[in-house]
N, C-alpha and C. Protein backbone atom coordinates (compact mmCIF):
# COMPACT_ATOMS: atom_id res chain seq x y z
N MET A 1 53.45 17.36 27.31
CA MET A 1 53.46 16.72 26.01
C MET A 1 52.16 17.06 25.30
N GLN A 2 52.24 17.38 24.01
CA GLN A 2 51.08 17.79 23.24
C GLN A 2 50.48 16.57 22.52
N ALA A 3 49.12 16.52 22.49
CA ALA A 3 48.42 15.41 21.82
C ALA A 3 48.65 15.48 20.32
N ALA A 4 48.64 14.32 19.67
CA ALA A 4 48.84 14.26 18.22
C ALA A 4 47.73 14.99 17.47
N PHE A 5 46.52 14.97 18.01
CA PHE A 5 45.37 15.63 17.40
C PHE A 5 44.72 16.54 18.44
N PRO A 6 45.20 17.76 18.58
CA PRO A 6 44.66 18.63 19.63
C PRO A 6 43.16 18.86 19.44
N GLY A 7 42.43 18.86 20.54
CA GLY A 7 41.01 19.13 20.50
C GLY A 7 40.15 17.92 20.15
N ARG A 8 40.75 16.80 19.86
CA ARG A 8 40.00 15.59 19.51
C ARG A 8 40.08 14.60 20.66
N HIS A 9 38.96 13.93 20.91
CA HIS A 9 38.90 12.94 21.97
C HIS A 9 38.78 11.57 21.35
N LEU A 10 39.48 10.62 21.90
CA LEU A 10 39.40 9.24 21.41
C LEU A 10 38.25 8.53 22.11
N LEU A 11 37.55 7.70 21.37
CA LEU A 11 36.46 6.91 21.93
C LEU A 11 37.00 5.61 22.50
N SER A 12 36.40 5.16 23.57
CA SER A 12 36.80 3.88 24.15
C SER A 12 36.34 2.76 23.21
N PRO A 13 36.98 1.60 23.28
CA PRO A 13 36.54 0.46 22.45
C PRO A 13 35.07 0.12 22.67
N ARG A 14 34.58 0.26 23.89
CA ARG A 14 33.17 -0.03 24.19
C ARG A 14 32.26 0.96 23.45
N ALA A 15 32.62 2.24 23.44
CA ALA A 15 31.81 3.25 22.75
C ALA A 15 31.80 2.98 21.25
N VAL A 16 32.92 2.56 20.69
CA VAL A 16 32.99 2.24 19.27
C VAL A 16 32.09 1.05 18.96
N PHE A 17 32.11 0.01 19.81
CA PHE A 17 31.27 -1.16 19.62
C PHE A 17 29.79 -0.79 19.67
N LEU A 18 29.40 0.01 20.67
CA LEU A 18 28.01 0.41 20.80
C LEU A 18 27.55 1.24 19.60
N ALA A 19 28.40 2.12 19.12
CA ALA A 19 28.06 2.93 17.95
C ALA A 19 27.89 2.05 16.72
N ALA A 20 28.76 1.06 16.56
CA ALA A 20 28.66 0.15 15.41
C ALA A 20 27.39 -0.69 15.50
N ALA A 21 27.05 -1.16 16.69
CA ALA A 21 25.83 -1.96 16.86
C ALA A 21 24.59 -1.14 16.55
N LEU A 22 24.57 0.11 17.00
CA LEU A 22 23.44 0.98 16.72
C LEU A 22 23.33 1.25 15.22
N ALA A 23 24.44 1.51 14.57
CA ALA A 23 24.42 1.76 13.13
C ALA A 23 23.93 0.53 12.37
N ALA A 24 24.36 -0.65 12.77
CA ALA A 24 23.92 -1.87 12.10
C ALA A 24 22.42 -2.08 12.28
N ALA A 25 21.90 -1.83 13.47
CA ALA A 25 20.48 -2.04 13.73
C ALA A 25 19.62 -1.09 12.92
N THR A 26 20.10 0.09 12.63
CA THR A 26 19.29 1.05 11.88
C THR A 26 19.42 0.86 10.38
N HIS A 27 20.38 0.05 9.93
CA HIS A 27 20.56 -0.16 8.49
C HIS A 27 19.97 -1.47 7.99
N PHE A 28 19.50 -2.31 8.88
CA PHE A 28 18.89 -3.56 8.48
C PHE A 28 17.41 -3.50 8.85
N PRO A 29 16.51 -3.43 7.83
CA PRO A 29 15.09 -3.23 8.10
C PRO A 29 14.48 -4.25 9.05
N GLY A 30 14.95 -5.49 9.06
CA GLY A 30 14.34 -6.51 9.90
C GLY A 30 14.83 -6.50 11.33
N ALA A 31 15.82 -5.66 11.64
CA ALA A 31 16.38 -5.65 12.97
C ALA A 31 15.44 -4.95 13.95
N GLY A 32 14.84 -5.73 14.84
CA GLY A 32 14.02 -5.15 15.89
C GLY A 32 12.57 -4.88 15.50
N ARG A 33 12.22 -4.95 14.24
CA ARG A 33 10.84 -4.73 13.84
C ARG A 33 10.61 -5.38 12.48
N ALA A 34 9.35 -5.52 12.13
CA ALA A 34 9.02 -6.12 10.84
C ALA A 34 9.32 -5.13 9.72
N GLU A 35 9.53 -5.66 8.54
CA GLU A 35 9.76 -4.81 7.38
C GLU A 35 8.45 -4.21 6.89
N ASP A 36 8.56 -3.11 6.15
CA ASP A 36 7.39 -2.53 5.51
C ASP A 36 7.17 -3.26 4.19
N ALA A 37 5.93 -3.24 3.71
CA ALA A 37 5.59 -3.89 2.44
C ALA A 37 4.68 -2.97 1.65
N THR A 38 4.67 -3.13 0.33
CA THR A 38 3.86 -2.29 -0.54
C THR A 38 3.03 -3.14 -1.48
N VAL A 39 1.78 -2.71 -1.68
CA VAL A 39 0.89 -3.32 -2.66
C VAL A 39 0.60 -2.24 -3.70
N LYS A 40 0.80 -2.57 -4.94
CA LYS A 40 0.57 -1.64 -6.05
C LYS A 40 -0.86 -1.81 -6.55
N ILE A 41 -1.55 -0.69 -6.75
CA ILE A 41 -2.89 -0.70 -7.34
C ILE A 41 -2.74 -0.16 -8.76
N ASP A 42 -3.06 -0.99 -9.74
CA ASP A 42 -2.93 -0.56 -11.14
C ASP A 42 -3.76 -1.48 -12.03
N ASN A 43 -4.38 -0.90 -13.05
CA ASN A 43 -5.14 -1.66 -14.03
C ASN A 43 -6.21 -2.54 -13.37
N PHE A 44 -6.88 -1.97 -12.37
CA PHE A 44 -7.96 -2.66 -11.65
C PHE A 44 -7.49 -3.93 -10.95
N THR A 45 -6.24 -3.93 -10.46
CA THR A 45 -5.73 -5.07 -9.71
C THR A 45 -4.89 -4.59 -8.53
N PHE A 46 -4.77 -5.48 -7.52
CA PHE A 46 -3.83 -5.30 -6.42
C PHE A 46 -2.66 -6.24 -6.70
N ALA A 47 -1.45 -5.72 -6.65
CA ALA A 47 -0.28 -6.56 -6.93
C ALA A 47 0.76 -6.39 -5.83
N PRO A 48 1.11 -7.47 -5.16
CA PRO A 48 0.62 -8.83 -5.39
C PRO A 48 -0.80 -8.99 -4.85
N SER A 49 -1.53 -9.94 -5.42
CA SER A 49 -2.91 -10.16 -4.97
C SER A 49 -2.94 -10.82 -3.59
N THR A 50 -1.92 -11.61 -3.27
CA THR A 50 -1.75 -12.18 -1.93
C THR A 50 -0.36 -11.83 -1.45
N LEU A 51 -0.30 -11.25 -0.26
CA LEU A 51 0.97 -10.83 0.33
C LEU A 51 1.09 -11.47 1.70
N THR A 52 2.22 -12.12 1.97
CA THR A 52 2.47 -12.72 3.28
C THR A 52 3.52 -11.89 4.00
N VAL A 53 3.18 -11.48 5.24
CA VAL A 53 4.07 -10.62 6.03
C VAL A 53 4.12 -11.14 7.46
N LYS A 54 5.05 -10.62 8.24
CA LYS A 54 5.14 -10.92 9.68
C LYS A 54 4.29 -9.92 10.45
N ALA A 55 3.80 -10.32 11.61
CA ALA A 55 3.06 -9.41 12.48
C ALA A 55 3.92 -8.20 12.78
N GLY A 56 3.30 -7.04 12.79
CA GLY A 56 4.02 -5.78 13.01
C GLY A 56 4.39 -5.07 11.73
N THR A 57 4.10 -5.69 10.58
CA THR A 57 4.45 -5.09 9.29
C THR A 57 3.46 -3.99 8.92
N ASN A 58 4.00 -2.88 8.43
CA ASN A 58 3.19 -1.79 7.91
C ASN A 58 3.07 -2.01 6.40
N VAL A 59 1.83 -2.20 5.94
CA VAL A 59 1.58 -2.40 4.50
C VAL A 59 1.03 -1.09 3.93
N THR A 60 1.60 -0.67 2.81
CA THR A 60 1.14 0.54 2.13
C THR A 60 0.62 0.16 0.76
N TRP A 61 -0.60 0.58 0.47
CA TRP A 61 -1.18 0.43 -0.86
C TRP A 61 -0.98 1.75 -1.59
N ARG A 62 -0.44 1.69 -2.80
CA ARG A 62 -0.18 2.90 -3.59
C ARG A 62 -0.96 2.80 -4.89
N ASN A 63 -1.83 3.81 -5.13
CA ASN A 63 -2.63 3.81 -6.35
C ASN A 63 -1.82 4.36 -7.51
N GLU A 64 -1.48 3.49 -8.45
CA GLU A 64 -0.77 3.90 -9.66
C GLU A 64 -1.69 3.87 -10.88
N ASP A 65 -2.99 3.68 -10.61
CA ASP A 65 -3.98 3.68 -11.68
C ASP A 65 -4.43 5.11 -11.95
N ASP A 66 -5.10 5.32 -13.08
CA ASP A 66 -5.52 6.68 -13.42
C ASP A 66 -6.93 7.00 -12.94
N ILE A 67 -7.51 6.11 -12.13
CA ILE A 67 -8.83 6.37 -11.53
C ILE A 67 -8.77 6.04 -10.04
N PRO A 68 -9.69 6.57 -9.24
CA PRO A 68 -9.66 6.32 -7.79
C PRO A 68 -10.00 4.86 -7.44
N HIS A 69 -9.43 4.42 -6.34
CA HIS A 69 -9.71 3.11 -5.77
C HIS A 69 -9.71 3.24 -4.25
N THR A 70 -10.27 2.25 -3.58
CA THR A 70 -10.20 2.18 -2.11
C THR A 70 -9.58 0.84 -1.71
N VAL A 71 -9.25 0.75 -0.43
CA VAL A 71 -8.78 -0.50 0.17
C VAL A 71 -9.66 -0.71 1.39
N ALA A 72 -10.50 -1.76 1.36
CA ALA A 72 -11.45 -1.99 2.44
C ALA A 72 -11.39 -3.45 2.89
N SER A 73 -11.17 -3.65 4.17
CA SER A 73 -11.15 -4.99 4.74
C SER A 73 -12.55 -5.59 4.67
N SER A 74 -12.63 -6.87 4.33
CA SER A 74 -13.91 -7.58 4.28
C SER A 74 -14.57 -7.67 5.65
N THR A 75 -13.76 -7.57 6.72
CA THR A 75 -14.28 -7.65 8.08
C THR A 75 -14.25 -6.28 8.79
N ARG A 76 -14.08 -5.24 8.01
CA ARG A 76 -14.09 -3.86 8.51
C ARG A 76 -12.98 -3.54 9.50
N VAL A 77 -11.84 -4.19 9.35
CA VAL A 77 -10.69 -3.91 10.21
C VAL A 77 -10.02 -2.61 9.77
N PHE A 78 -10.01 -2.34 8.48
CA PHE A 78 -9.42 -1.11 7.94
C PHE A 78 -10.17 -0.70 6.69
N LYS A 79 -10.13 0.60 6.40
CA LYS A 79 -10.73 1.12 5.17
C LYS A 79 -10.09 2.46 4.83
N SER A 80 -9.72 2.61 3.58
CA SER A 80 -9.13 3.87 3.13
C SER A 80 -10.22 4.80 2.60
N LYS A 81 -9.84 6.03 2.42
CA LYS A 81 -10.67 6.96 1.65
C LYS A 81 -10.44 6.62 0.18
N ALA A 82 -11.14 7.28 -0.72
CA ALA A 82 -10.87 7.09 -2.14
C ALA A 82 -9.46 7.60 -2.43
N LEU A 83 -8.66 6.75 -3.03
CA LEU A 83 -7.26 7.09 -3.33
C LEU A 83 -7.15 7.52 -4.78
N ASP A 84 -6.80 8.77 -5.01
CA ASP A 84 -6.55 9.24 -6.37
C ASP A 84 -5.19 8.74 -6.82
N THR A 85 -4.84 8.98 -8.07
CA THR A 85 -3.54 8.57 -8.61
C THR A 85 -2.42 9.11 -7.72
N ASP A 86 -1.49 8.23 -7.38
CA ASP A 86 -0.32 8.51 -6.53
C ASP A 86 -0.64 8.67 -5.05
N ASP A 87 -1.90 8.53 -4.65
CA ASP A 87 -2.24 8.53 -3.22
C ASP A 87 -1.91 7.16 -2.64
N SER A 88 -1.74 7.11 -1.32
CA SER A 88 -1.46 5.84 -0.66
C SER A 88 -2.23 5.73 0.65
N PHE A 89 -2.34 4.51 1.12
CA PHE A 89 -3.00 4.19 2.39
C PHE A 89 -2.15 3.14 3.07
N SER A 90 -1.93 3.29 4.38
CA SER A 90 -1.12 2.33 5.14
C SER A 90 -1.88 1.78 6.33
N PHE A 91 -1.58 0.54 6.66
CA PHE A 91 -2.15 -0.12 7.83
C PHE A 91 -1.11 -1.06 8.39
N THR A 92 -0.95 -1.06 9.72
CA THR A 92 -0.01 -1.96 10.38
C THR A 92 -0.75 -3.19 10.89
N PHE A 93 -0.29 -4.35 10.47
CA PHE A 93 -0.90 -5.63 10.84
C PHE A 93 -0.17 -6.19 12.06
N ASN A 94 -0.77 -6.03 13.22
CA ASN A 94 -0.14 -6.48 14.46
C ASN A 94 -0.54 -7.90 14.86
N ASP A 95 -1.68 -8.37 14.35
CA ASP A 95 -2.18 -9.68 14.75
C ASP A 95 -2.10 -10.68 13.59
N ALA A 96 -1.62 -11.89 13.89
CA ALA A 96 -1.54 -12.94 12.89
C ALA A 96 -2.94 -13.29 12.40
N GLY A 97 -3.04 -13.68 11.14
CA GLY A 97 -4.32 -14.07 10.57
C GLY A 97 -4.36 -13.77 9.08
N THR A 98 -5.49 -14.03 8.46
CA THR A 98 -5.69 -13.78 7.04
C THR A 98 -6.71 -12.65 6.90
N TYR A 99 -6.32 -11.62 6.16
CA TYR A 99 -7.15 -10.43 5.98
C TYR A 99 -7.49 -10.28 4.50
N GLU A 100 -8.76 -10.48 4.17
CA GLU A 100 -9.20 -10.28 2.80
C GLU A 100 -9.68 -8.84 2.65
N TYR A 101 -9.42 -8.25 1.49
CA TYR A 101 -9.83 -6.87 1.26
C TYR A 101 -10.26 -6.70 -0.19
N PHE A 102 -10.87 -5.55 -0.49
CA PHE A 102 -11.37 -5.28 -1.84
C PHE A 102 -11.43 -3.78 -2.04
N CYS A 103 -11.71 -3.36 -3.26
CA CYS A 103 -11.95 -1.96 -3.59
C CYS A 103 -13.46 -1.75 -3.52
N SER A 104 -13.92 -0.87 -2.65
CA SER A 104 -15.37 -0.66 -2.51
C SER A 104 -15.97 0.05 -3.71
N LEU A 105 -15.14 0.66 -4.55
CA LEU A 105 -15.63 1.28 -5.79
C LEU A 105 -15.70 0.28 -6.94
N HIS A 106 -14.88 -0.75 -6.86
CA HIS A 106 -14.80 -1.80 -7.90
C HIS A 106 -14.69 -3.15 -7.18
N PRO A 107 -15.80 -3.69 -6.67
CA PRO A 107 -15.77 -4.88 -5.80
C PRO A 107 -15.13 -6.13 -6.39
N HIS A 108 -14.95 -6.17 -7.71
CA HIS A 108 -14.27 -7.34 -8.29
C HIS A 108 -12.77 -7.32 -8.00
N MET A 109 -12.24 -6.17 -7.56
CA MET A 109 -10.82 -6.07 -7.19
C MET A 109 -10.67 -6.61 -5.77
N LYS A 110 -9.91 -7.70 -5.63
CA LYS A 110 -9.76 -8.34 -4.32
C LYS A 110 -8.29 -8.67 -4.05
N GLY A 111 -7.97 -8.73 -2.78
CA GLY A 111 -6.63 -9.10 -2.36
C GLY A 111 -6.65 -9.73 -0.99
N THR A 112 -5.51 -10.29 -0.59
CA THR A 112 -5.40 -10.96 0.70
C THR A 112 -4.04 -10.64 1.32
N ILE A 113 -4.07 -10.33 2.62
CA ILE A 113 -2.84 -10.19 3.40
C ILE A 113 -2.82 -11.34 4.40
N VAL A 114 -1.76 -12.15 4.37
CA VAL A 114 -1.58 -13.25 5.31
C VAL A 114 -0.50 -12.78 6.30
N VAL A 115 -0.88 -12.72 7.58
CA VAL A 115 0.04 -12.24 8.61
C VAL A 115 0.48 -13.42 9.47
N GLU A 116 1.78 -13.66 9.48
CA GLU A 116 2.36 -14.73 10.28
C GLU A 116 2.83 -14.15 11.61
N PRO A 117 2.92 -14.98 12.65
CA PRO A 117 3.45 -14.47 13.93
C PRO A 117 4.83 -13.88 13.73
N ALA A 118 5.16 -12.87 14.52
CA ALA A 118 6.46 -12.19 14.38
C ALA A 118 7.63 -13.12 14.65
N ASN A 119 7.46 -14.04 15.61
CA ASN A 119 8.53 -15.01 15.89
C ASN A 119 7.94 -16.40 15.90
N HIS A 120 8.69 -17.32 15.44
CA HIS A 120 8.24 -18.72 15.39
C HIS A 120 8.88 -19.48 16.53
N ALA A 121 8.23 -19.47 17.69
CA ALA A 121 8.75 -20.20 18.86
C ALA A 121 8.53 -21.70 18.65
N ALA A 122 9.45 -22.48 19.15
CA ALA A 122 9.31 -23.94 19.05
C ALA A 122 8.13 -24.39 19.89
N LYS A 123 7.34 -25.32 19.34
CA LYS A 123 6.15 -25.81 20.05
C LYS A 123 6.42 -27.12 20.72
């Protein structure tokens, strides 16, 4: 007897389930890891000026201003090079806490990243 679709193999229900679960995990940013976040640098400001994220989040600062800026942690945890227009700098925040930062070229430019624990276990 000849198969209805010669040369094609049918997947087991388990294989279909596993493939669907894998596809779902890769299409939802929060599945298995923290989401990425972006801070816009423009008109001598960081926007948002305060950003709250979960531990494990990769934050990217993107310079959309027409002059260079930097991103420097007040406690020297991270520091970018001078970012020209359209340049970016990224840092992954793995530890919960509050991180204040500023532009070392324009110290009046300030921002804060608040990092919450990745999971909120019951206390």
